[in-house]
Amino acid sequence: MAGITLVGAQWGDEGKGKITDLIAYDMDYVVRFQGGNNAGHTVIHGDRVLKLHLIPSGIMYPHITPVIGNGCVIDPKVLLEEMDKLEADGLSTHRLLISCNAHVIMPYHRDLDGASERRLGSQEIGTTRRGIGPAYMDKASRMGIRIQDLTDEHIFRKKLEAALLEKNDILEKVYALPTYTVEQIAEEYLAYAERIKPHIEDTSLVINKALDGDQWVLFEGAQGTLLDLDHGTYPFVTSSSPTAGGACTGAGVGPKRIDRVLGIAKAYITRVGSGPFPTELSDETGELLTQVGGEYGTTTGRRRRCGWYDAVIVRYAVRVNGLTDLVITKLDVLSAVDTIKVCVAYEYEGHRYNELPAHQTAFHHAKPIYEELPGWKGEDITECRTFEELPKNARDYITYIEDLADVPVSIIAVGPSREQTIMRRWEARA
């Protein structure tokens, strides 16, 4: 067997879609194990650009079975729209499997998400307002509706009726928003169920049987380590677990099933939404990275905040994920700058932090301690296909990152397409 988990080592948007697509060709299954349509992966292959939100990367390969695991929350309308778009582009979705235990995003979840953010005002978390958080809240409070419930009209109506007793009160009395009837939602969602039904499976069983049969399974995370509900910069986090441990709970496999954990990190760092960001650049360099790197969200189109590479954060990601490999993306973007800075530690109230501070106050007010490295400005590295072809300063930068993380950099992306990649310590499946 070969179970490989791929996670973001920063705040998300690290380029996981490209890397998933890159190594997915050698896989038999690609499993999305958490999150919903609040995440997006952009995959570029030749002239084709895919913007995926729920369906796992690797969908373009007909031999792969894409799986949406039980740890995900699913907006059926968005899922079907994405499936229809892929089919219109000539990509079949007939192999797609959906966990019967994944939870469903309901219309009131979207309403409550947006209303809550508006009410927080300047203290907003920065959610995508797509109902992700409220859906996970219902899951935790044991009043959620699962994909399997959609296939039994009696059970669905009964659970929906119970949910609306509470949700309508909140919508009307707290937020002065319109309420819903059971019939209003049932008519829409039962129609979705008819189309989704052929794809519903006990995906935990399917995945474990695949691993028993020596097949290769890639567990694909969305968002990033610093957005993890437990291990991220709470409360400016997502509502699920995009760390490697989330692959086990979100796909229904044991930890011994995971053989290798890849952490994806940009050669600099970005984040979307609110929250602390020690190395953020609010100057011309930050704007340059934004424009050269095309730093706008796949799902939301929101501008990403940019900063220098933060080795403290990646070191933390190595620890909480048990990373076996690092993948560095967008190295080519740094060809636009003269000198490169790397944050090696933080300073707060006269104390140096070589590891991520445990207390939120220290992290929120941390000042980065930088080391400067010479860049390779003006040198086009997008045609490099081996590590040795990179300029010396680029090689030194990668080696420096590697030493700080104490984890090998196995793959380096030097452009957006799958061909613009250096497979340094990664061998394809024999």
Protein backbone atom coordinates (compact mmCIF):
# COMPACT_ATOMS: atom_id res chain seq x y z
CA MET A 1 0.00 0.00 0.00
CA ALA A 2 0.97 3.65 -0.26
CA GLY A 3 -0.94 6.31 1.62
CA ILE A 4 0.37 9.81 0.95
CA THR A 5 -1.00 12.90 2.64
CA LEU A 6 -0.57 16.36 1.18
CA VAL A 7 -1.14 19.38 3.41
CA GLY A 8 -0.56 23.12 3.38
CA ALA A 9 2.35 24.19 5.58
CA GLN A 10 1.30 27.85 5.85
CA TRP A 11 -2.07 29.64 5.75
CA GLY A 12 -3.35 27.88 2.65
CA ASP A 13 -3.11 28.95 -1.01
CA GLU A 14 0.34 27.32 -1.21
CA GLY A 15 -0.27 25.68 -4.57
CA LYS A 16 -1.60 22.32 -3.35
CA GLY A 17 -3.79 21.92 -6.43
CA LYS A 18 -0.84 21.88 -8.80
CA ILE A 19 1.18 19.48 -6.67
CA THR A 20 -1.79 17.18 -6.16
CA ASP A 21 -2.35 17.09 -9.89
CA LEU A 22 1.37 16.54 -10.46
CA ILE A 23 1.63 13.40 -8.35
CA ALA A 24 -1.97 12.24 -8.79
CA TYR A 25 -1.15 10.56 -12.10
CA ASP A 26 0.60 7.80 -10.14
CA MET A 27 -2.36 7.36 -7.77
CA ASP A 28 -5.43 5.17 -7.83
CA TYR A 29 -7.51 7.34 -5.48
CA VAL A 30 -7.40 11.03 -4.55
CA VAL A 31 -9.33 11.79 -1.36
CA ARG A 32 -10.44 15.22 -0.18
CA PHE A 33 -10.70 14.84 3.60
CA GLN A 34 -11.90 18.17 5.01
CA GLY A 35 -13.40 21.56 4.26
CA GLY A 36 -16.00 22.58 1.73
CA ASN A 37 -16.34 25.02 -1.14
CA ASN A 38 -14.52 27.62 0.95
CA ALA A 39 -11.31 26.31 -0.59
CA GLY A 40 -10.16 26.25 -4.17
CA HIS A 41 -7.44 24.57 -6.16
CA THR A 42 -6.23 25.85 -9.51
CA VAL A 43 -4.76 23.19 -11.78
CA ILE A 44 -3.04 24.14 -15.04
CA HIS A 45 -2.33 21.42 -17.58
CA GLY A 46 -1.33 22.58 -21.04
CA ASP A 47 -3.97 25.03 -22.23
CA ARG A 48 -6.52 23.80 -19.70
CA VAL A 49 -7.13 25.66 -16.43
CA LEU A 50 -9.32 23.96 -13.84
CA LYS A 51 -10.63 25.82 -10.82
CA LEU A 52 -11.84 23.19 -8.38
CA HIS A 53 -13.70 23.87 -5.15
CA LEU A 54 -15.10 20.56 -3.89
CA ILE A 55 -14.06 17.85 -6.33
CA PRO A 56 -10.54 16.53 -5.64
CA SER A 57 -7.66 17.44 -7.91
CA GLY A 58 -6.71 14.66 -10.29
CA ILE A 59 -10.20 14.57 -11.77
CA MET A 60 -8.72 14.94 -15.26
CA TYR A 61 -7.18 11.46 -15.09
CA PRO A 62 -9.71 8.78 -16.11
CA HIS A 63 -7.98 6.02 -14.12
CA ILE A 64 -8.29 7.86 -10.79
CA THR A 65 -11.22 7.55 -8.40
CA PRO A 66 -11.81 10.95 -6.75
CA VAL A 67 -13.36 10.78 -3.28
CA ILE A 68 -15.05 13.39 -1.09
CA GLY A 69 -14.54 12.09 2.43
CA ASN A 70 -16.68 12.16 5.54
CA GLY A 71 -14.72 15.10 6.97
CA CYS A 72 -16.04 17.44 4.28
CA VAL A 73 -19.17 19.57 4.26
CA ILE A 74 -20.98 19.66 0.93
CA ASP A 75 -23.19 22.25 -0.68
CA PRO A 76 -25.08 20.01 -3.16
CA LYS A 77 -25.90 22.90 -5.50
CA VAL A 78 -22.23 23.90 -5.76
CA LEU A 79 -21.14 20.28 -6.18
CA LEU A 80 -23.55 19.63 -9.03
CA GLU A 81 -22.63 22.89 -10.75
CA GLU A 82 -18.98 21.89 -10.57
CA MET A 83 -19.73 18.41 -11.90
CA ASP A 84 -21.75 19.86 -14.77
CA LYS A 85 -18.95 22.26 -15.68
CA LEU A 86 -16.39 19.47 -15.71
CA GLU A 87 -18.65 17.30 -17.87
CA ALA A 88 -19.14 20.22 -20.27
CA ASP A 89 -15.33 20.49 -20.48
CA GLY A 90 -15.12 16.82 -21.44
CA LEU A 91 -14.04 15.49 -18.03
CA SER A 92 -16.14 12.61 -16.72
CA THR A 93 -17.27 12.63 -13.09
CA HIS A 94 -18.82 9.15 -13.13
CA ARG A 95 -16.05 7.74 -10.88
CA LEU A 96 -16.58 10.38 -8.19
CA LEU A 97 -17.45 8.92 -4.78
CA ILE A 98 -19.09 10.87 -1.95
CA SER A 99 -19.06 9.74 1.66
CA CYS A 100 -22.49 8.90 3.01
CA ASN A 101 -21.36 10.50 6.29
CA ALA A 102 -20.29 13.88 4.91
CA HIS A 103 -22.45 16.72 6.20
CA VAL A 104 -24.66 18.93 4.05
CA ILE A 105 -24.55 22.72 3.87
CA MET A 106 -28.11 24.03 4.06
CA PRO A 107 -29.46 27.44 2.94
CA TYR A 108 -29.72 28.62 6.54
CA HIS A 109 -26.03 27.84 7.08
CA ARG A 110 -25.09 30.33 4.36
CA ASP A 111 -27.45 32.95 5.80
CA LEU A 112 -26.11 32.53 9.32
CA ASP A 113 -22.48 32.65 8.14
CA GLY A 114 -22.95 35.98 6.38
CA ALA A 115 -25.08 37.47 9.16
CA SER A 116 -22.55 36.50 11.82
CA GLU A 117 -19.66 38.10 9.92
CA ARG A 118 -21.62 41.31 9.34
CA ARG A 119 -22.46 41.49 13.02
CA LEU A 120 -18.81 41.10 14.03
CA GLY A 121 -17.90 44.12 11.91
CA SER A 122 -14.22 45.02 12.32
CA GLN A 123 -13.73 41.86 14.42
CA GLU A 124 -14.86 39.55 11.62
CA ILE A 125 -13.01 36.28 11.19
CA GLY A 126 -12.84 36.60 7.41
CA THR A 127 -14.91 33.57 6.40
CA THR A 128 -15.99 33.01 2.80
CA ARG A 129 -19.64 33.26 3.96
CA ARG A 130 -20.48 29.98 2.26
CA GLY A 131 -21.96 28.31 5.32
CA ILE A 132 -18.94 26.18 6.19
CA GLY A 133 -18.63 27.15 9.85
CA PRO A 134 -22.34 26.85 10.70
CA ALA A 135 -22.46 23.43 9.00
CA TYR A 136 -19.58 22.20 11.14
CA MET A 137 -21.25 23.74 14.20
CA ASP A 138 -24.36 21.65 13.55
CA LYS A 139 -22.18 18.58 13.05
CA ALA A 140 -20.53 19.13 16.45
CA SER A 141 -23.87 19.79 18.15
CA ARG A 142 -25.30 16.59 16.62
CA MET A 143 -28.06 18.27 14.69
CA GLY A 144 -26.44 18.20 11.27
CA ILE A 145 -27.88 16.61 8.15
CA ARG A 146 -25.68 14.09 6.36
CA ILE A 147 -25.51 13.10 2.71
CA GLN A 148 -27.13 9.74 3.51
CA ASP A 149 -30.13 11.55 5.03
CA LEU A 150 -30.94 13.01 1.63
CA THR A 151 -31.62 9.49 0.32
CA ASP A 152 -34.44 8.85 2.81
CA GLU A 153 -37.17 11.48 2.46
CA HIS A 154 -38.83 10.62 5.77
CA ILE A 155 -35.62 10.94 7.77
CA PHE A 156 -34.58 14.07 5.88
CA ARG A 157 -37.86 15.87 6.52
CA LYS A 158 -37.83 14.86 10.18
CA LYS A 159 -34.27 16.14 10.74
CA LEU A 160 -34.93 19.28 8.73
CA GLU A 161 -38.04 20.06 10.74
CA ALA A 162 -36.07 19.75 14.00
CA ALA A 163 -33.28 21.96 12.67
CA LEU A 164 -35.65 24.68 11.48
CA LEU A 165 -37.25 24.99 14.91
CA GLU A 166 -33.97 26.49 16.08
CA LYS A 167 -32.63 28.06 12.89
CA ASN A 168 -35.78 30.01 12.05
CA ASP A 169 -35.80 31.52 15.53
CA ILE A 170 -32.22 32.67 15.15
CA LEU A 171 -32.73 33.97 11.61
CA GLU A 172 -35.83 35.94 12.54
CA LYS A 173 -35.22 37.08 16.12
CA VAL A 174 -31.46 37.63 16.12
CA TYR A 175 -30.72 38.70 12.55
CA ALA A 176 -34.15 39.84 11.24
CA LEU A 177 -33.75 37.56 8.21
CA PRO A 178 -36.37 35.54 6.29
CA THR A 179 -37.16 32.06 7.57
CA TYR A 180 -37.60 28.72 5.77
CA THR A 181 -40.28 26.04 5.56
CA VAL A 182 -39.56 22.33 5.40
CA GLU A 183 -41.27 22.08 2.03
CA GLN A 184 -39.27 24.97 0.61
CA ILE A 185 -35.92 23.29 1.34
CA ALA A 186 -37.06 19.69 0.80
CA GLU A 187 -38.21 20.36 -2.74
CA GLU A 188 -34.80 21.71 -3.68
CA TYR A 189 -32.58 19.25 -1.79
CA LEU A 190 -34.46 16.07 -2.63
CA ALA A 191 -33.98 16.95 -6.29
CA TYR A 192 -30.24 17.23 -5.64
CA ALA A 193 -30.33 13.83 -3.91
CA GLU A 194 -31.58 12.09 -7.06
CA ARG A 195 -28.51 13.22 -8.96
CA ILE A 196 -26.03 12.61 -6.15
CA LYS A 197 -27.34 9.17 -5.12
CA PRO A 198 -25.28 7.10 -7.62
CA HIS A 199 -22.06 8.56 -6.17
CA ILE A 200 -22.79 7.90 -2.48
CA GLU A 201 -20.67 5.20 -0.81
CA ASP A 202 -19.13 4.09 2.47
CA THR A 203 -15.90 5.72 1.35
CA SER A 204 -13.93 4.66 4.45
CA LEU A 205 -14.51 1.05 3.46
CA VAL A 206 -13.60 1.74 -0.18
CA ILE A 207 -10.35 3.52 0.77
CA ASN A 208 -9.23 0.89 3.27
CA LYS A 209 -9.90 -1.90 0.77
CA ALA A 210 -7.84 0.00 -1.80
CA LEU A 211 -4.93 0.27 0.63
CA ASP A 212 -5.27 -3.43 1.49
CA GLY A 213 -5.00 -4.13 -2.22
CA ASP A 214 -1.69 -2.27 -2.56
CA GLN A 215 -3.27 0.61 -4.38
CA TRP A 216 -1.97 4.17 -4.02
CA VAL A 217 -4.11 6.73 -2.22
CA LEU A 218 -3.44 10.46 -2.03
CA PHE A 219 -5.16 12.33 0.80
CA GLU A 220 -5.63 15.93 -0.33
CA GLY A 221 -6.00 18.69 2.23
CA ALA A 222 -7.52 22.11 1.69
CA GLN A 223 -6.51 25.33 3.48
CA GLY A 224 -3.30 25.09 5.55
CA THR A 225 -1.79 24.19 8.92
CA LEU A 226 -2.17 27.68 10.39
CA LEU A 227 -5.91 27.54 9.60
CA ASP A 228 -6.45 24.29 11.52
CA LEU A 229 -9.23 24.53 14.10
CA ASP A 230 -6.98 23.14 16.86
CA HIS A 231 -3.50 24.06 15.70
CA GLY A 232 -4.04 27.28 13.75
CA THR A 233 -4.16 30.96 14.67
CA TYR A 234 -7.49 30.63 16.48
CA PRO A 235 -10.07 32.17 16.06
CA PHE A 236 -8.87 33.20 12.59
CA VAL A 237 -9.07 29.63 11.35
CA THR A 238 -11.30 27.31 9.37
CA SER A 239 -13.77 24.94 11.03
CA SER A 240 -12.05 21.65 10.23
CA SER A 241 -8.64 19.98 10.51
CA PRO A 242 -6.44 20.52 7.43
CA THR A 243 -3.45 19.02 9.23
CA ALA A 244 -2.27 15.45 8.56
CA GLY A 245 -4.27 14.08 11.49
CA GLY A 246 -7.39 15.34 9.75
CA ALA A 247 -6.71 12.90 6.93
CA CYS A 248 -7.31 10.00 9.31
CA THR A 249 -10.55 11.29 10.82
CA GLY A 250 -11.76 12.93 7.60
CA ALA A 251 -11.26 9.86 5.43
CA GLY A 252 -11.80 7.09 7.96
CA VAL A 253 -8.33 5.51 7.96
CA GLY A 254 -5.88 4.71 10.74
CA PRO A 255 -2.58 6.59 11.16
CA LYS A 256 -0.55 3.53 10.14
CA ARG A 257 -2.08 3.88 6.68
CA ILE A 258 -0.09 7.07 6.05
CA ASP A 259 3.42 6.44 4.69
CA ARG A 260 4.48 9.92 3.65
CA VAL A 261 3.36 13.47 4.48
CA LEU A 262 4.12 16.30 2.05
CA GLY A 263 3.95 19.88 3.28
CA ILE A 264 3.42 22.52 0.61
CA ALA A 265 4.90 25.98 1.21
CA LYS A 266 5.37 29.00 -1.01
CA ALA A 267 8.84 30.45 -1.39
CA TYR A 268 7.28 33.42 0.41
CA ILE A 269 4.01 33.37 2.37
CA THR A 270 0.44 34.60 2.00
CA ARG A 271 -2.82 34.56 3.89
CA VAL A 272 -6.40 35.55 3.13
CA GLY A 273 -8.75 37.13 5.63
CA SER A 274 -8.14 38.50 9.09
CA GLY A 275 -5.61 37.45 11.71
CA PRO A 276 -1.97 37.91 12.72
CA PHE A 277 0.77 37.80 10.10
CA PRO A 278 4.28 38.58 11.47
CA THR A 279 6.10 38.88 8.12
CA GLU A 280 3.36 40.74 6.22
CA LEU A 281 4.67 43.30 3.74
CA SER A 282 2.53 46.42 3.42
CA ASP A 283 4.96 48.12 1.07
CA GLU A 284 6.10 48.04 -2.55
CA THR A 285 7.64 44.60 -2.15
CA GLY A 286 4.35 43.20 -0.87
CA GLU A 287 2.54 44.72 -3.82
CA LEU A 288 5.17 43.31 -6.19
CA LEU A 289 4.72 39.78 -4.82
CA THR A 290 0.95 40.17 -5.13
CA GLN A 291 1.10 41.17 -8.77
CA VAL A 292 3.89 38.86 -9.95
CA GLY A 293 2.48 35.92 -7.99
CA GLY A 294 -1.14 36.59 -9.03
CA GLU A 295 -2.17 36.45 -5.40
CA TYR A 296 -5.93 36.39 -5.61
CA GLY A 297 -8.09 33.60 -4.18
CA THR A 298 -9.33 30.79 -6.46
CA THR A 299 -12.68 30.59 -4.70
CA THR A 300 -13.29 34.17 -3.55
CA GLY A 301 -11.07 36.32 -5.76
CA ARG A 302 -9.94 38.09 -2.60
CA ARG A 303 -6.50 39.69 -2.59
CA ARG A 304 -4.02 37.69 -0.55
CA ARG A 305 -1.78 39.39 1.98
CA CYS A 306 1.90 38.74 1.15
CA GLY A 307 5.02 38.46 3.27
CA TRP A 308 8.50 36.98 3.47
CA TYR A 309 8.99 33.24 4.05
CA ASP A 310 8.46 32.39 7.70
CA ALA A 311 10.64 29.48 8.81
CA VAL A 312 9.07 29.48 12.29
CA ILE A 313 5.68 28.67 10.82
CA VAL A 314 7.03 25.95 8.54
CA ARG A 315 8.98 24.43 11.45
CA TYR A 316 5.69 24.34 13.36
CA ALA A 317 4.00 22.67 10.38
CA VAL A 318 6.74 20.05 10.33
CA ARG A 319 6.03 19.26 13.97
CA VAL A 320 2.22 19.08 14.02
CA ASN A 321 1.95 17.23 10.69
CA GLY A 322 4.98 14.96 10.96
CA LEU A 323 6.16 16.16 7.54
CA THR A 324 8.47 13.83 5.67
CA ASP A 325 8.95 16.17 2.70
CA LEU A 326 8.68 19.85 1.84
CA VAL A 327 7.44 21.13 -1.50
CA ILE A 328 8.37 24.73 -2.34
CA THR A 329 6.14 26.50 -4.84
CA LYS A 330 6.35 29.81 -6.72
CA LEU A 331 10.13 30.05 -6.47
CA ASP A 332 10.02 31.89 -9.80
CA VAL A 333 8.15 34.82 -8.20
CA LEU A 334 11.26 35.70 -6.18
CA SER A 335 13.11 36.39 -9.43
CA ALA A 336 11.45 39.81 -9.19
CA VAL A 337 13.28 40.92 -6.02
CA ASP A 338 16.89 41.91 -5.30
CA THR A 339 17.37 40.67 -1.76
CA ILE A 340 15.34 37.98 -0.03
CA LYS A 341 14.50 37.93 3.65
CA VAL A 342 13.70 34.85 5.70
CA CYS A 343 12.12 35.04 9.14
CA VAL A 344 14.13 32.70 11.39
CA ALA A 345 12.63 33.67 14.78
CA TYR A 346 10.35 36.20 16.51
CA GLU A 347 10.94 38.83 19.17
CA TYR A 348 8.35 39.86 21.73
CA GLU A 349 9.00 41.89 24.87
CA GLY A 350 12.73 41.18 24.73
CA HIS A 351 12.31 37.42 24.35
CA ARG A 352 13.37 35.47 21.26
CA TYR A 353 11.00 32.77 20.01
CA ASN A 354 12.54 30.11 17.78
CA GLU A 355 9.27 28.18 17.86
CA LEU A 356 5.71 29.40 17.38
CA PRO A 357 4.63 31.13 20.63
CA ALA A 358 2.02 29.15 22.52
CA HIS A 359 0.24 32.29 23.69
CA GLN A 360 -1.79 34.24 21.13
CA THR A 361 -0.69 37.63 22.49
CA ALA A 362 2.97 36.90 21.82
CA PHE A 363 2.20 35.74 18.29
CA HIS A 364 -0.12 38.66 17.50
CA HIS A 365 2.58 41.14 18.47
CA ALA A 366 5.64 39.17 17.36
CA LYS A 367 8.32 41.03 15.42
CA PRO A 368 10.13 38.94 12.80
CA ILE A 369 13.88 38.39 13.10
CA TYR A 370 15.23 38.22 9.58
CA GLU A 371 18.24 36.81 7.80
CA GLU A 372 18.96 38.27 4.36
CA LEU A 373 20.04 36.27 1.34
CA PRO A 374 21.11 37.50 -2.09
CA GLY A 375 18.51 37.01 -4.78
CA TRP A 376 18.72 36.13 -8.45
CA LYS A 377 16.76 39.07 -9.82
CA GLY A 378 16.16 39.02 -13.55
CA GLU A 379 17.14 35.37 -14.03
CA ASP A 380 14.33 33.34 -15.61
CA ILE A 381 14.12 30.01 -13.80
CA THR A 382 10.84 28.85 -15.33
CA GLU A 383 12.64 26.55 -17.78
CA CYS A 384 14.77 24.85 -15.13
CA ARG A 385 13.97 21.16 -14.75
CA THR A 386 16.79 20.03 -12.46
CA PHE A 387 18.09 21.49 -9.23
CA GLU A 388 21.51 22.02 -10.79
CA GLU A 389 20.02 24.26 -13.50
CA LEU A 390 18.85 26.80 -10.92
CA PRO A 391 21.03 29.87 -10.30
CA LYS A 392 23.42 29.38 -7.37
CA ASN A 393 21.55 31.87 -5.18
CA ALA A 394 18.29 30.03 -5.82
CA ARG A 395 19.92 26.73 -4.89
CA ASP A 396 21.35 28.30 -1.75
CA TYR A 397 17.89 29.63 -0.84
CA ILE A 398 16.34 26.17 -1.11
CA THR A 399 19.16 24.61 0.90
CA TYR A 400 18.73 27.28 3.58
CA ILE A 401 14.98 26.60 3.83
CA GLU A 402 15.72 22.88 4.02
CA ASP A 403 18.20 23.33 6.86
CA LEU A 404 15.82 25.54 8.85
CA ALA A 405 13.01 22.98 8.56
CA ASP A 406 15.24 19.93 8.97
CA VAL A 407 13.13 18.27 6.27
CA PRO A 408 14.20 17.64 2.66
CA VAL A 409 12.77 19.79 -0.13
CA SER A 410 11.67 17.11 -2.57
CA ILE A 411 9.76 19.12 -5.19
CA ILE A 412 10.25 22.71 -6.39
CA ALA A 413 7.73 24.56 -8.55
CA VAL A 414 9.20 27.19 -10.87
CA GLY A 415 6.00 28.15 -12.69
CA PRO A 416 2.24 27.50 -12.69
CA SER A 417 2.06 24.59 -15.15
CA ARG A 418 2.73 21.02 -14.12
CA GLU A 419 5.76 20.86 -16.43
CA GLN A 420 7.43 23.77 -14.62
CA THR A 421 8.54 21.59 -11.76
CA ILE A 422 11.80 20.19 -10.43
CA MET A 423 11.34 16.65 -9.09
CA ARG A 424 14.35 16.74 -6.81
CA ARG A 425 13.73 13.86 -4.44
CA TRP A 426 10.49 12.41 -5.74
CA GLU A 427 10.26 9.30 -7.86
CA ALA A 428 7.13 8.41 -9.77
CA ARG A 429 5.42 5.13 -9.11
CA ALA A 430 7.15 2.29 -10.89
